[in-house]
């Protein structure tokens, strides 16, 4: 298996350091809140009623889009999704894999089934990608799993 070095955003690097220093005592939701770069994701998780699930025992692997990733969606998309919890939950659960999958567990052209039930494709050549989103920071550990930061919201197949 290949271990890749990821270019991390300054905030996610600081987040990873604080998570390690804290001994991974915060769950995925609280880790995302503390990062400060996932406010849209956290609002979406709340609107979809998934907070208790992602604060649960897990473990979970979350491909977490940044606020910038949500902002890149067509105008009005986030607002429409926040008003439709069922559609929002379908998209958010497409960003989650049951189990703790670290970057060292990834292989090129790997298929992984999401909590949504649909598969994502993970590529590791030339950088790590989940479908068409780049992983910009990896292995941010939480008490109930791991977060990999992505630069795009990935959408399940229609």
C-alpha atoms as a PDB file:
ATOM      1  CA  UNK A   1       0.000   0.000   0.000  1.00  0.00           C
ATOM      2  CA  UNK A   2       1.139   3.462  -0.775  1.00  0.00           C
ATOM      3  CA  UNK A   3       1.510   6.137   1.833  1.00  0.00           C
ATOM      4  CA  UNK A   4       1.054   9.563   0.317  1.00  0.00           C
ATOM      5  CA  UNK A   5       2.053  12.912   1.662  1.00  0.00           C
ATOM      6  CA  UNK A   6      -0.824  15.343   1.546  1.00  0.00           C
ATOM      7  CA  UNK A   7      -0.680  19.090   1.272  1.00  0.00           C
ATOM      8  CA  UNK A   8      -2.676  20.214   4.287  1.00  0.00           C
ATOM      9  CA  UNK A   9      -4.438  23.455   4.807  1.00  0.00           C
ATOM     10  CA  UNK A  10      -2.963  25.327   7.757  1.00  0.00           C
ATOM     11  CA  UNK A  11      -6.138  24.963   9.762  1.00  0.00           C
ATOM     12  CA  UNK A  12      -6.446  21.242   9.199  1.00  0.00           C
ATOM     13  CA  UNK A  13      -2.808  20.760  10.100  1.00  0.00           C
ATOM     14  CA  UNK A  14      -3.422  22.611  13.340  1.00  0.00           C
ATOM     15  CA  UNK A  15      -6.544  20.516  13.837  1.00  0.00           C
ATOM     16  CA  UNK A  16      -4.615  17.288  13.368  1.00  0.00           C
ATOM     17  CA  UNK A  17      -1.989  18.422  15.848  1.00  0.00           C
ATOM     18  CA  UNK A  18      -4.579  19.375  18.461  1.00  0.00           C
ATOM     19  CA  UNK A  19      -6.440  16.085  17.942  1.00  0.00           C
ATOM     20  CA  UNK A  20      -3.251  14.121  18.558  1.00  0.00           C
ATOM     21  CA  UNK A  21      -2.353  16.276  21.549  1.00  0.00           C
ATOM     22  CA  UNK A  22      -5.807  15.753  23.032  1.00  0.00           C
ATOM     23  CA  UNK A  23      -5.521  11.990  22.657  1.00  0.00           C
ATOM     24  CA  UNK A  24      -8.427  11.900  20.228  1.00  0.00           C
ATOM     25  CA  UNK A  25     -10.975  12.640  22.942  1.00  0.00           C
ATOM     26  CA  UNK A  26     -13.344  14.502  20.606  1.00  0.00           C
ATOM     27  CA  UNK A  27     -15.743  12.765  18.272  1.00  0.00           C
ATOM     28  CA  UNK A  28     -15.979  13.493  14.557  1.00  0.00           C
ATOM     29  CA  UNK A  29     -18.603  16.231  14.951  1.00  0.00           C
ATOM     30  CA  UNK A  30     -16.728  18.094  17.680  1.00  0.00           C
ATOM     31  CA  UNK A  31     -13.442  17.735  15.793  1.00  0.00           C
ATOM     32  CA  UNK A  32     -15.090  19.287  12.716  1.00  0.00           C
ATOM     33  CA  UNK A  33     -16.586  22.100  14.795  1.00  0.00           C
ATOM     34  CA  UNK A  34     -13.219  22.899  16.381  1.00  0.00           C
ATOM     35  CA  UNK A  35     -11.535  23.083  12.971  1.00  0.00           C
ATOM     36  CA  UNK A  36     -13.592  26.118  11.993  1.00  0.00           C
ATOM     37  CA  UNK A  37     -13.448  25.247   8.277  1.00  0.00           C
ATOM     38  CA  UNK A  38     -16.453  22.936   8.248  1.00  0.00           C
ATOM     39  CA  UNK A  39     -19.285  25.247   9.350  1.00  0.00           C
ATOM     40  CA  UNK A  40     -21.443  24.386   6.324  1.00  0.00           C
ATOM     41  CA  UNK A  41     -20.823  20.665   6.791  1.00  0.00           C
ATOM     42  CA  UNK A  42     -21.726  20.868  10.480  1.00  0.00           C
ATOM     43  CA  UNK A  43     -24.887  22.862   9.678  1.00  0.00           C
ATOM     44  CA  UNK A  44     -25.802  20.247   7.071  1.00  0.00           C
ATOM     45  CA  UNK A  45     -25.204  17.367   9.506  1.00  0.00           C
ATOM     46  CA  UNK A  46     -27.475  19.130  12.002  1.00  0.00           C
ATOM     47  CA  UNK A  47     -30.192  19.830   9.385  1.00  0.00           C
ATOM     48  CA  UNK A  48     -30.121  16.194   8.227  1.00  0.00           C
ATOM     49  CA  UNK A  49     -30.439  14.874  11.781  1.00  0.00           C
ATOM     50  CA  UNK A  50     -27.105  13.034  11.637  1.00  0.00           C
ATOM     51  CA  UNK A  51     -25.358  14.582  14.657  1.00  0.00           C
ATOM     52  CA  UNK A  52     -26.189  11.731  17.042  1.00  0.00           C
ATOM     53  CA  UNK A  53     -25.074   9.169  14.465  1.00  0.00           C
ATOM     54  CA  UNK A  54     -21.695  10.856  13.882  1.00  0.00           C
ATOM     55  CA  UNK A  55     -21.227  11.314  17.616  1.00  0.00           C
ATOM     56  CA  UNK A  56     -21.924   7.589  18.046  1.00  0.00           C
ATOM     57  CA  UNK A  57     -19.463   4.826  18.707  1.00  0.00           C
ATOM     58  CA  UNK A  58     -18.512   4.258  15.077  1.00  0.00           C
ATOM     59  CA  UNK A  59     -15.891   3.956  13.878  1.00  0.00           C
ATOM     60  CA  UNK A  60     -16.522   6.112  10.813  1.00  0.00           C
ATOM     61  CA  UNK A  61     -14.396   7.466   8.016  1.00  0.00           C
ATOM     62  CA  UNK A  62     -15.645  10.864   6.870  1.00  0.00           C
ATOM     63  CA  UNK A  63     -14.605  12.551   3.641  1.00  0.00           C
ATOM     64  CA  UNK A  64     -15.273  16.097   4.851  1.00  0.00           C
ATOM     65  CA  UNK A  65     -15.802  18.882   2.305  1.00  0.00           C
ATOM     66  CA  UNK A  66     -14.564  22.287   3.445  1.00  0.00           C
ATOM     67  CA  UNK A  67     -16.699  25.424   3.493  1.00  0.00           C
ATOM     68  CA  UNK A  68     -15.015  26.380   0.213  1.00  0.00           C
ATOM     69  CA  UNK A  69     -16.148  23.078  -1.330  1.00  0.00           C
ATOM     70  CA  UNK A  70     -19.766  23.823  -0.409  1.00  0.00           C
ATOM     71  CA  UNK A  71     -19.409  27.411  -1.661  1.00  0.00           C
ATOM     72  CA  UNK A  72     -18.333  26.061  -5.067  1.00  0.00           C
ATOM     73  CA  UNK A  73     -21.715  24.369  -5.571  1.00  0.00           C
ATOM     74  CA  UNK A  74     -24.139  26.186  -7.878  1.00  0.00           C
ATOM     75  CA  UNK A  75     -25.868  29.143  -6.218  1.00  0.00           C
ATOM     76  CA  UNK A  76     -28.843  28.101  -4.107  1.00  0.00           C
ATOM     77  CA  UNK A  77     -27.817  24.433  -3.868  1.00  0.00           C
ATOM     78  CA  UNK A  78     -26.839  24.498  -0.189  1.00  0.00           C
ATOM     79  CA  UNK A  79     -30.006  26.374   0.764  1.00  0.00           C
ATOM     80  CA  UNK A  80     -32.169  23.901  -1.197  1.00  0.00           C
ATOM     81  CA  UNK A  81     -30.458  20.952   0.453  1.00  0.00           C
ATOM     82  CA  UNK A  82     -30.805  22.430   3.941  1.00  0.00           C
ATOM     83  CA  UNK A  83     -34.560  22.641   3.255  1.00  0.00           C
ATOM     84  CA  UNK A  84     -34.697  18.963   2.161  1.00  0.00           C
ATOM     85  CA  UNK A  85     -33.292  16.830   5.024  1.00  0.00           C
ATOM     86  CA  UNK A  86     -33.849  13.552   3.157  1.00  0.00           C
ATOM     87  CA  UNK A  87     -31.857  14.601   0.072  1.00  0.00           C
ATOM     88  CA  UNK A  88     -29.250  16.192   2.319  1.00  0.00           C
ATOM     89  CA  UNK A  89     -28.859  12.989   4.356  1.00  0.00           C
ATOM     90  CA  UNK A  90     -28.391  10.995   1.135  1.00  0.00           C
ATOM     91  CA  UNK A  91     -25.535  13.277   0.074  1.00  0.00           C
ATOM     92  CA  UNK A  92     -23.915  13.439   3.507  1.00  0.00           C
ATOM     93  CA  UNK A  93     -24.005   9.664   4.040  1.00  0.00           C
ATOM     94  CA  UNK A  94     -22.264   9.350   0.653  1.00  0.00           C
ATOM     95  CA  UNK A  95     -19.285  11.024   2.381  1.00  0.00           C
ATOM     96  CA  UNK A  96     -19.092   8.387   5.151  1.00  0.00           C
ATOM     97  CA  UNK A  97     -17.666   4.855   5.217  1.00  0.00           C
ATOM     98  CA  UNK A  98     -18.307   2.494   8.100  1.00  0.00           C
ATOM     99  CA  UNK A  99     -15.012   1.665   9.813  1.00  0.00           C
ATOM    100  CA  UNK A 100     -11.791   3.567  10.283  1.00  0.00           C
ATOM    101  CA  UNK A 101      -9.907   3.781   6.979  1.00  0.00           C
ATOM    102  CA  UNK A 102      -6.534   5.469   7.323  1.00  0.00           C
ATOM    103  CA  UNK A 103      -4.528   6.719   4.345  1.00  0.00           C
ATOM    104  CA  UNK A 104      -2.196   3.727   4.682  1.00  0.00           C
ATOM    105  CA  UNK A 105      -5.202   1.448   4.041  1.00  0.00           C
ATOM    106  CA  UNK A 106      -5.907   2.960   0.620  1.00  0.00           C
ATOM    107  CA  UNK A 107      -4.965   1.416  -2.686  1.00  0.00           C
ATOM    108  CA  UNK A 108      -5.291   2.708  -6.224  1.00  0.00           C
ATOM    109  CA  UNK A 109      -8.649   2.142  -7.928  1.00  0.00           C
ATOM    110  CA  UNK A 110     -10.183   1.015  -4.637  1.00  0.00           C
ATOM    111  CA  UNK A 111     -13.972   0.834  -4.367  1.00  0.00           C
ATOM    112  CA  UNK A 112     -15.514   1.585  -0.993  1.00  0.00           C
ATOM    113  CA  UNK A 113     -19.183   1.308  -0.071  1.00  0.00           C
ATOM    114  CA  UNK A 114     -20.518   4.356   1.719  1.00  0.00           C
ATOM    115  CA  UNK A 115     -23.155   4.461   4.448  1.00  0.00           C
ATOM    116  CA  UNK A 116     -25.459   5.722   1.660  1.00  0.00           C
ATOM    117  CA  UNK A 117     -25.087   2.291   0.013  1.00  0.00           C
ATOM    118  CA  UNK A 118     -23.392   3.605  -3.129  1.00  0.00           C
ATOM    119  CA  UNK A 119     -19.702   3.114  -3.889  1.00  0.00           C
ATOM    120  CA  UNK A 120     -16.958   5.719  -4.164  1.00  0.00           C
ATOM    121  CA  UNK A 121     -13.771   5.190  -6.135  1.00  0.00           C
ATOM    122  CA  UNK A 122     -10.481   6.009  -4.455  1.00  0.00           C
ATOM    123  CA  UNK A 123      -7.417   6.697  -6.573  1.00  0.00           C
ATOM    124  CA  UNK A 124      -3.921   7.066  -5.123  1.00  0.00           C
ATOM    125  CA  UNK A 125      -1.755   7.777  -8.160  1.00  0.00           C
ATOM    126  CA  UNK A 126      -0.617  11.389  -8.363  1.00  0.00           C
ATOM    127  CA  UNK A 127      -2.381  12.281  -5.111  1.00  0.00           C
ATOM    128  CA  UNK A 128      -5.401  10.800  -3.417  1.00  0.00           C
ATOM    129  CA  UNK A 129      -8.852  11.344  -4.872  1.00  0.00           C
ATOM    130  CA  UNK A 130     -12.320  10.227  -3.814  1.00  0.00           C
ATOM    131  CA  UNK A 131     -14.348  10.201  -7.021  1.00  0.00           C
ATOM    132  CA  UNK A 132     -13.405  13.623  -8.435  1.00  0.00           C
ATOM    133  CA  UNK A 133     -12.504  15.299  -5.116  1.00  0.00           C
ATOM    134  CA  UNK A 134      -8.906  15.747  -3.987  1.00  0.00           C
ATOM    135  CA  UNK A 135      -7.943  14.735  -0.470  1.00  0.00           C
ATOM    136  CA  UNK A 136      -6.162  17.829   0.878  1.00  0.00           C
ATOM    137  CA  UNK A 137      -5.546  16.577   4.431  1.00  0.00           C
ATOM    138  CA  UNK A 138      -5.719  13.025   5.718  1.00  0.00           C
ATOM    139  CA  UNK A 139      -5.777  10.988   8.904  1.00  0.00           C
ATOM    140  CA  UNK A 140      -7.303  13.541  11.256  1.00  0.00           C
ATOM    141  CA  UNK A 141      -8.195  11.156  14.032  1.00  0.00           C
ATOM    142  CA  UNK A 142     -11.208  11.495  16.301  1.00  0.00           C
ATOM    143  CA  UNK A 143     -12.406   9.338  19.167  1.00  0.00           C
ATOM    144  CA  UNK A 144     -14.861   7.534  16.874  1.00  0.00           C
ATOM    145  CA  UNK A 145     -13.061   7.495  13.547  1.00  0.00           C
ATOM    146  CA  UNK A 146     -11.068   9.561  11.103  1.00  0.00           C
ATOM    147  CA  UNK A 147     -11.607  12.576   8.866  1.00  0.00           C
ATOM    148  CA  UNK A 148     -10.060  13.059   5.438  1.00  0.00           C
ATOM    149  CA  UNK A 149     -10.569  16.603   4.139  1.00  0.00           C
ATOM    150  CA  UNK A 150     -11.723  16.938   0.509  1.00  0.00           C
ATOM    151  CA  UNK A 151     -11.920  19.964  -1.755  1.00  0.00           C
ATOM    152  CA  UNK A 152     -15.269  19.153  -3.391  1.00  0.00           C
ATOM    153  CA  UNK A 153     -18.698  17.910  -2.378  1.00  0.00           C
ATOM    154  CA  UNK A 154     -19.159  14.477  -3.929  1.00  0.00           C
ATOM    155  CA  UNK A 155     -22.618  13.518  -5.156  1.00  0.00           C
ATOM    156  CA  UNK A 156     -24.062  10.004  -5.155  1.00  0.00           C
ATOM    157  CA  UNK A 157     -25.077   8.498  -8.478  1.00  0.00           C
ATOM    158  CA  UNK A 158     -28.596   9.495  -9.489  1.00  0.00           C
END
